[in-house]
Protein backbone atom coordinates (compact mmCIF):
# COMPACT_ATOMS: atom_id res chain seq x y z
CA UNK A 1 0.00 0.00 0.00
CA UNK A 2 1.32 3.41 -0.94
CA UNK A 3 2.11 5.96 1.76
CA UNK A 4 0.01 9.11 1.98
CA UNK A 5 2.43 11.27 0.01
CA UNK A 6 5.21 10.51 -2.46
CA UNK A 7 8.09 12.93 -2.05
CA UNK A 8 9.45 12.53 -5.56
CA UNK A 9 5.99 12.97 -7.07
CA UNK A 10 5.72 16.22 -5.11
CA UNK A 11 9.03 17.14 -6.72
CA UNK A 12 7.57 16.38 -10.14
CA UNK A 13 4.63 18.67 -9.37
CA UNK A 14 7.12 21.40 -8.53
CA UNK A 15 8.90 20.76 -11.82
CA UNK A 16 5.63 20.86 -13.77
CA UNK A 17 4.43 24.13 -12.24
CA UNK A 18 7.90 25.67 -12.70
CA UNK A 19 7.68 24.93 -16.43
CA UNK A 20 4.29 26.67 -16.50
CA UNK A 21 5.67 29.75 -14.71
CA UNK A 22 8.66 29.81 -17.05
CA UNK A 23 6.34 29.79 -20.07
CA UNK A 24 3.99 32.45 -18.68
CA UNK A 25 6.43 34.75 -16.86
CA UNK A 26 9.83 34.48 -18.52
CA UNK A 27 9.94 33.04 -22.06
CA UNK A 28 9.36 35.58 -24.79
CA UNK A 29 8.92 33.20 -27.71
CA UNK A 30 5.75 31.37 -26.79
CA UNK A 31 7.75 28.59 -25.16
CA UNK A 32 6.24 25.14 -25.40
CA UNK A 33 7.75 24.14 -22.06
CA UNK A 34 4.69 25.44 -20.24
CA UNK A 35 2.51 23.04 -22.21
CA UNK A 36 4.89 20.19 -21.37
CA UNK A 37 4.40 21.11 -17.73
CA UNK A 38 0.62 20.84 -18.10
CA UNK A 39 1.00 17.47 -19.85
CA UNK A 40 3.13 16.27 -16.92
CA UNK A 41 0.36 17.36 -14.53
CA UNK A 42 -2.11 15.32 -16.58
CA UNK A 43 0.05 12.18 -16.48
CA UNK A 44 0.45 12.59 -12.71
CA UNK A 45 -3.29 13.05 -12.22
CA UNK A 46 -4.18 10.02 -14.33
CA UNK A 47 -1.69 7.87 -12.43
CA UNK A 48 -2.60 9.01 -8.93
CA UNK A 49 -6.37 8.97 -9.41
CA UNK A 50 -6.31 5.49 -10.91
CA UNK A 51 -3.87 4.16 -8.30
CA UNK A 52 -6.10 5.52 -5.56
CA UNK A 53 -9.26 3.98 -7.00
CA UNK A 54 -7.64 0.61 -7.69
CA UNK A 55 -6.36 0.49 -4.10
CA UNK A 56 -9.90 1.17 -2.87
CA UNK A 57 -11.25 -1.51 -5.18
CA UNK A 58 -8.70 -4.05 -3.92
CA UNK A 59 -9.76 -3.56 -0.30
CA UNK A 60 -11.82 -6.39 1.16
CA UNK A 61 -14.43 -3.88 2.42
CA UNK A 62 -14.81 -2.16 -0.98
CA UNK A 63 -18.29 -0.89 -1.86
CA UNK A 64 -18.62 1.03 -5.17
CA UNK A 65 -21.19 3.52 -3.85
CA UNK A 66 -19.10 4.39 -0.80
CA UNK A 67 -15.89 4.77 -2.82
CA UNK A 68 -17.57 6.95 -5.45
CA UNK A 69 -19.19 9.21 -2.86
CA UNK A 70 -15.92 9.60 -0.97
CA UNK A 71 -13.96 10.29 -4.14
CA UNK A 72 -16.24 13.11 -5.29
CA UNK A 73 -16.56 14.67 -1.82
CA UNK A 74 -12.80 14.59 -1.24
CA UNK A 75 -12.10 16.06 -4.68
CA UNK A 76 -14.62 18.83 -3.99
CA UNK A 77 -12.95 19.63 -0.66
CA UNK A 78 -9.55 19.82 -2.33
CA UNK A 79 -10.41 21.63 -5.55
CA UNK A 80 -13.52 23.77 -5.17
CA UNK A 81 -12.75 26.19 -2.28
CA UNK A 82 -9.63 27.89 -3.74
CA UNK A 83 -11.01 27.71 -7.27
CA UNK A 84 -14.27 29.45 -6.42
CA UNK A 85 -12.39 31.91 -4.21
CA UNK A 86 -10.47 32.95 -7.33
CA UNK A 87 -13.70 33.29 -9.32
CA UNK A 88 -15.19 35.35 -6.49
CA UNK A 89 -12.16 37.66 -6.47
CA UNK A 90 -12.36 38.11 -10.24
CA UNK A 91 -16.08 38.86 -9.98
CA UNK A 92 -15.54 41.50 -7.28
CA UNK A 93 -12.61 43.19 -9.01
CA UNK A 94 -13.79 42.82 -12.61
CA UNK A 95 -10.31 41.87 -13.82
CA UNK A 96 -10.09 41.82 -17.62
CA UNK A 97 -13.91 42.00 -17.86
CA UNK A 98 -14.02 38.37 -16.78
CA UNK A 99 -17.28 38.58 -14.85
CA UNK A 100 -19.31 38.29 -18.06
CA UNK A 101 -18.08 34.72 -18.64
CA UNK A 102 -17.76 33.46 -15.08
CA UNK A 103 -20.64 31.05 -15.63
CA UNK A 104 -18.51 29.00 -18.04
CA UNK A 105 -15.68 28.87 -15.51
CA UNK A 106 -17.99 28.06 -12.61
CA UNK A 107 -19.29 25.03 -14.54
CA UNK A 108 -15.74 23.95 -15.43
CA UNK A 109 -16.33 24.62 -19.10
CA UNK A 110 -13.44 27.05 -19.56
CA UNK A 111 -11.86 24.88 -22.24
CA UNK A 112 -15.07 24.97 -24.31
CA UNK A 113 -15.38 28.74 -23.89
CA UNK A 114 -11.90 29.44 -25.23
CA UNK A 115 -12.31 26.85 -27.98
CA UNK A 116 -15.55 28.49 -29.16
CA UNK A 117 -14.01 31.98 -29.07
CA UNK A 118 -10.74 30.76 -30.63
CA UNK A 119 -8.86 33.36 -28.62
CA UNK A 120 -7.50 33.70 -25.07
CA UNK A 121 -10.03 36.27 -23.88
CA UNK A 122 -10.25 36.99 -20.98
CA UNK A 123 -6.63 35.96 -20.52
CA UNK A 124 -6.60 36.26 -16.72
CA UNK A 125 -8.55 32.98 -16.48
CA UNK A 126 -7.20 31.26 -19.57
CA UNK A 127 -5.12 28.81 -17.51
CA UNK A 128 -8.32 27.32 -16.09
CA UNK A 129 -8.81 25.34 -19.32
CA UNK A 130 -6.63 22.56 -17.93
CA UNK A 131 -8.49 22.55 -14.60
CA UNK A 132 -11.71 22.11 -16.56
CA UNK A 133 -10.19 19.16 -18.44
CA UNK A 134 -9.23 17.52 -15.16
CA UNK A 135 -12.66 18.11 -13.64
CA UNK A 136 -14.34 16.59 -16.69
CA UNK A 137 -11.99 13.62 -16.30
CA UNK A 138 -12.82 13.31 -12.58
CA UNK A 139 -16.52 13.02 -13.36
CA UNK A 140 -16.19 10.10 -15.77
CA UNK A 141 -13.05 8.17 -14.89
CA UNK A 142 -13.96 6.87 -11.40
CA UNK A 143 -17.04 5.24 -12.91
CA UNK A 144 -14.88 3.37 -15.40
CA UNK A 145 -12.27 2.27 -12.86
CA UNK A 146 -14.67 1.23 -10.10
CA UNK A 147 -17.54 -0.25 -12.13
CA UNK A 148 -15.96 -1.81 -15.22
CA UNK A 149 -14.52 -5.34 -14.94
CA UNK A 150 -11.08 -5.06 -13.37
CA UNK A 151 -9.39 -6.81 -16.30
CA UNK A 152 -10.92 -4.26 -18.71
CA UNK A 153 -9.44 -1.13 -17.15
CA UNK A 154 -6.10 -1.39 -18.98
CA UNK A 155 -7.92 -1.97 -22.29
CA UNK A 156 -10.07 1.11 -21.64
CA UNK A 157 -6.89 3.14 -21.07
CA UNK A 158 -5.41 1.93 -24.36
CA UNK A 159 -8.65 2.72 -26.18
CA UNK A 160 -8.70 6.28 -24.80
CA UNK A 161 -5.07 6.80 -25.83
CA UNK A 162 -5.75 5.49 -29.34
CA UNK A 163 -8.84 7.69 -29.72
CA UNK A 164 -6.95 10.77 -28.53
CA UNK A 165 -4.09 10.17 -30.98
CA UNK A 166 -6.56 9.56 -33.82
CA UNK A 167 -8.31 12.82 -32.90
CA UNK A 168 -5.11 14.71 -33.67
CA UNK A 169 -4.93 13.39 -37.22
CA UNK A 170 -8.26 15.06 -37.99
CA UNK A 171 -6.98 18.59 -37.49
CA UNK A 172 -4.61 18.85 -40.48
CA UNK A 173 -7.70 18.24 -42.65
CA UNK A 174 -9.21 21.49 -41.34
CA UNK A 175 -6.34 23.46 -42.86
CA UNK A 176 -6.13 26.14 -40.16
CA UNK A 177 -4.95 25.67 -36.57
CA UNK A 178 -7.43 26.61 -33.87
CA UNK A 179 -7.54 26.54 -30.08
CA UNK A 180 -10.14 23.78 -30.23
CA UNK A 181 -7.54 21.24 -31.32
CA UNK A 182 -5.72 21.68 -27.98
CA UNK A 183 -8.60 22.51 -25.62
CA UNK A 184 -11.31 19.94 -26.33
CA UNK A 185 -11.16 16.93 -23.98
CA UNK A 186 -9.76 14.37 -26.48
CA UNK A 187 -6.62 16.50 -26.87
CA UNK A 188 -5.60 15.79 -23.27
CA UNK A 189 -7.11 12.38 -22.57
CA UNK A 190 -4.04 10.55 -23.88
CA UNK A 191 -1.85 12.06 -21.15
CA UNK A 192 -4.41 11.30 -18.46
CA UNK A 193 -4.96 7.79 -19.79
CA UNK A 194 -1.27 6.88 -20.07
CA UNK A 195 -0.89 7.84 -16.41
CA UNK A 196 -3.90 5.63 -15.66
CA UNK A 197 -2.35 2.80 -17.68
CA UNK A 198 0.81 3.10 -15.59
CA UNK A 199 -1.30 2.67 -12.44
CA UNK A 200 -3.10 -0.41 -13.80
CA UNK A 201 0.19 -2.09 -14.72
CA UNK A 202 1.64 -1.20 -11.34
CA UNK A 203 -1.33 -2.62 -9.43
CA UNK A 204 -1.17 -5.91 -11.34
CA UNK A 205 2.61 -6.17 -11.00
CA UNK A 206 3.25 -5.86 -14.74
CA UNK A 207 6.35 -4.13 -16.07
CA UNK A 208 6.39 -1.96 -19.17
CA UNK A 209 7.08 -3.88 -22.39
CA UNK A 210 10.73 -4.06 -23.42
CA UNK A 211 10.15 -1.76 -26.40
CA UNK A 212 8.73 0.92 -24.09
CA UNK A 213 11.68 0.78 -21.71
CA UNK A 214 14.10 1.02 -24.65
CA UNK A 215 12.07 3.50 -26.69
CA UNK A 216 11.81 6.41 -24.28
CA UNK A 217 15.32 7.68 -25.01
CA UNK A 218 14.84 8.13 -28.78
CA UNK A 219 11.35 9.54 -28.19
CA UNK A 220 12.76 12.08 -25.75
CA UNK A 221 15.54 12.96 -28.20
CA UNK A 222 13.01 13.51 -31.00
CA UNK A 223 10.87 15.65 -28.67
CA UNK A 224 13.83 17.84 -27.75
CA UNK A 225 14.75 18.27 -31.42
CA UNK A 226 11.17 19.30 -32.23
CA UNK A 227 11.21 21.75 -29.33
CA UNK A 228 14.48 23.21 -30.56
CA UNK A 229 13.17 23.78 -34.08
CA UNK A 230 9.64 24.77 -33.09
CA UNK A 231 10.16 28.56 -33.56
CA UNK A 232 11.61 27.99 -37.04
CA UNK A 233 9.15 28.81 -39.87
CA UNK A 234 7.99 25.63 -41.62
CA UNK A 235 5.62 24.68 -44.45
CA UNK A 236 2.07 23.94 -43.23
CA UNK A 237 2.43 20.17 -43.50
CA UNK A 238 5.64 20.13 -41.47
CA UNK A 239 4.04 22.51 -38.96
CA UNK A 240 1.20 20.05 -38.41
CA UNK A 241 3.56 17.08 -38.14
CA UNK A 242 5.75 18.94 -35.62
CA UNK A 243 2.67 19.80 -33.54
CA UNK A 244 1.50 16.18 -33.50
CA UNK A 245 5.00 14.98 -32.67
CA UNK A 246 5.28 17.35 -29.71
CA UNK A 247 1.96 16.12 -28.39
CA UNK A 248 2.58 12.38 -28.85
CA UNK A 249 6.32 11.67 -28.53
CA UNK A 250 6.80 13.03 -24.95
CA UNK A 251 3.96 10.86 -23.59
CA UNK A 252 5.96 7.70 -22.96
CA UNK A 253 9.00 9.48 -21.44
CA UNK A 254 6.70 11.44 -19.12
CA UNK A 255 4.87 8.27 -18.06
CA UNK A 256 8.12 6.42 -17.40
CA UNK A 257 9.40 9.41 -15.41
CA UNK A 258 6.27 9.35 -13.23
CA UNK A 259 6.54 5.58 -12.84
CA UNK A 260 10.19 5.74 -11.85
CA UNK A 261 9.59 8.51 -9.32
CA UNK A 262 6.57 6.73 -7.85
CA UNK A 263 8.92 3.86 -6.95
CA UNK A 264 11.67 6.22 -5.84
CA UNK A 265 14.39 6.88 -8.39
CA UNK A 266 17.99 7.23 -7.27
CA UNK A 267 20.91 9.40 -8.27
CA UNK A 268 20.99 13.15 -8.65
CA UNK A 269 17.46 13.31 -10.06
CA UNK A 270 15.98 11.53 -7.06
CA UNK A 271 17.89 13.68 -4.59
CA UNK A 272 16.85 16.83 -6.43
CA UNK A 273 13.17 15.92 -6.47
CA UNK A 274 13.22 14.92 -2.80
CA UNK A 275 14.95 18.08 -1.56
CA UNK A 276 12.96 20.27 0.80
CA UNK A 277 12.27 23.24 -1.52
CA UNK A 278 11.02 20.99 -4.34
CA UNK A 279 8.72 19.02 -2.04
CA UNK A 280 7.37 22.22 -0.46
CA UNK A 281 6.65 23.83 -3.83
CA UNK A 282 5.05 20.60 -5.05
CA UNK A 283 2.64 20.52 -2.14
CA UNK A 284 1.34 24.01 -2.96
CA UNK A 285 1.53 23.53 -6.76
CA UNK A 286 -2.26 23.63 -7.16
CA UNK A 287 -2.37 27.07 -5.56
CA UNK A 288 0.61 28.26 -7.59
CA UNK A 289 -1.07 27.20 -10.82
CA UNK A 290 -4.45 28.58 -9.79
CA UNK A 291 -3.24 31.98 -8.56
CA UNK A 292 -0.35 32.80 -10.89
CA UNK A 293 -2.36 34.57 -13.60
CA UNK A 294 -4.25 36.65 -11.01
CA UNK A 295 -0.97 37.69 -9.38
CA UNK A 296 0.46 38.56 -12.80
CA UNK A 297 -2.52 40.78 -13.60
CA UNK A 298 -2.16 42.66 -10.31
CA UNK A 299 1.62 42.98 -10.69
CA UNK A 300 1.29 44.44 -14.17
CA UNK A 301 -1.26 46.97 -12.89
CA UNK A 302 1.23 47.94 -10.19
CA UNK A 303 4.12 48.48 -12.64
CA UNK A 304 4.53 52.20 -11.73
CA UNK A 305 5.35 51.14 -8.16
CA UNK A 306 7.78 48.36 -9.10
CA UNK A 307 11.40 49.22 -9.96
CA UNK A 308 11.90 46.32 -12.41
CA UNK A 309 10.08 45.61 -15.68
CA UNK A 310 7.12 43.33 -15.02
CA UNK A 311 5.06 44.45 -18.02
CA UNK A 312 6.93 42.12 -20.35
CA UNK A 313 8.21 38.56 -20.22
CA UNK A 314 11.62 38.34 -18.58
CA UNK A 315 13.56 37.98 -15.32
CA UNK A 316 11.82 40.92 -13.61
CA UNK A 317 8.38 39.46 -14.19
CA UNK A 318 9.53 35.99 -13.15
CA UNK A 319 11.11 37.29 -9.95
CA UNK A 320 8.29 39.57 -8.80
CA UNK A 321 5.22 37.68 -10.02
CA UNK A 322 6.79 34.31 -9.20
CA UNK A 323 7.60 35.36 -5.61
CA UNK A 324 4.13 36.85 -5.16
CA UNK A 325 2.51 33.68 -6.46
CA UNK A 326 4.55 31.44 -4.17
CA UNK A 327 3.77 33.57 -1.12
CA UNK A 328 0.04 33.65 -1.88
CA UNK A 329 -0.09 29.90 -2.56
CA UNK A 330 1.75 29.16 0.70
CA UNK A 331 -0.60 31.34 2.74
CA UNK A 332 -3.59 29.76 1.03
CA UNK A 333 -2.31 26.26 1.80
CA UNK A 334 -1.63 26.95 5.48
CA UNK A 335 -4.66 29.09 6.32
CA UNK A 336 -7.30 27.83 3.91
CA UNK A 337 -6.66 24.60 2.01
CA UNK A 338 -4.96 22.45 4.64
CA UNK A 339 -7.73 22.86 7.28
CA UNK A 340 -10.33 21.92 4.65
CA UNK A 341 -8.28 18.92 3.60
CA UNK A 342 -8.44 17.68 7.18
CA UNK A 343 -12.18 17.13 6.66
CA UNK A 344 -11.40 14.31 4.24
CA UNK A 345 -10.93 11.97 7.18
CA UNK A 346 -14.72 11.90 7.51
CA UNK A 347 -15.01 10.38 4.03
CA UNK A 348 -12.94 7.17 3.89
CA UNK A 349 -12.95 5.11 0.69
CA UNK A 350 -13.92 2.02 2.66
CA UNK A 351 -16.21 1.82 5.66
CA UNK A 352 -14.53 1.82 9.04
CA UNK A 353 -15.08 -1.13 11.34
CA UNK A 354 -14.70 -4.83 10.82
CA UNK A 355 -13.39 -5.96 7.46
CA UNK A 356 -14.25 -9.28 5.89
CA UNK A 357 -11.30 -11.59 6.04
CA UNK A 358 -9.40 -9.43 8.53
CA UNK A 359 -6.96 -11.36 10.64
CA UNK A 360 -7.77 -10.61 14.30
CA UNK A 361 -4.13 -11.27 15.15
CA UNK A 362 -2.98 -8.41 12.88
CA UNK A 363 -5.29 -5.47 13.60
CA UNK A 364 -2.43 -2.99 13.52
CA UNK A 365 -1.33 -4.00 10.02
CA UNK A 366 -4.89 -3.81 8.75
CA UNK A 367 -5.37 -0.40 10.37
CA UNK A 368 -2.20 0.97 8.81
CA UNK A 369 -3.32 -0.34 5.43
CA UNK A 370 -6.69 1.39 5.68
CA UNK A 371 -5.09 4.63 6.90
CA UNK A 372 -2.76 4.70 3.89
CA UNK A 373 -5.72 4.09 1.60
CA UNK A 374 -7.79 6.85 3.20
CA UNK A 375 -5.05 9.48 3.14
CA UNK A 376 -3.55 8.85 -0.31
CA UNK A 377 -4.62 11.74 -2.53
CA UNK A 378 -4.03 13.26 -5.92
CA UNK A 379 -2.81 16.61 -4.60
């Protein structure tokens, strides 16, 4: 049974959100690294959600209705309060005229709003598209994992990945790129599903196929080459192929990275991910991601009072807006999110009390097992 938190996975969260901040605060060329960070978040979410649900399903006291209720309540306690606090702040301040479209964001349909508009307006909430994708995933995926035959879960993951990849091949036929190709749910389900596939293989004790373990290095090399040449002007066909390559080729390396860290990787990478600052940033990564655009908007408005340039991408913006975001996320975690998270103990994934097949001679071991199951969480 997994422990409540995985230090190296917290480190990966810190890495993912750092890539997002680099793309939004520092890079001046529309860096794709921010999108890679979001894709890493998706792989992590798919893995952790599925691992959590499979652990609940494997418990001798498992009841689908109880597990589903607990999952949705615990997700609501973790996700909704800071998210709707941000929407409330935007509504009160009227930042970027966002209040006119808050209904879309409140219903977690931000990705559809921006896809329909085909532009990032209002930009102060544009990052919520990925939170909407995850919420849409949370609604459907627990039903598949907890109610489908256990042996079918891996096949469902593979089917979702195949559908998502096939979805990408439709877009070159449209001739013109649009935000819809990246923001509609199928565009992100492959990353979520490959994380879920990792969890299903882990729970059944299966290793990755030999080709996957050998193939991640060339796939990573190709991805880095595509990233390097991404700003270079290309003919339309090559532009489409490069886009598809950057979406598909990093998937396996990201999944293997998450899998390795979930077991505890060694060497310099493991030590780096486990170091105190990385773990601390990872634990507040949801707040960092949620608040960073709001902080940026306020910092830009306060430019006359700030001695460094925060109106444009660069080190000044990264330093000031990044520090402000980290401070706000830390305060939010300590004063707001953590106390609410404590309420999750009232919603265990399995009923407390006697468990069928429990060995009376080993109550402590069974209790520790249930505690790990009840405290393991996505964020």
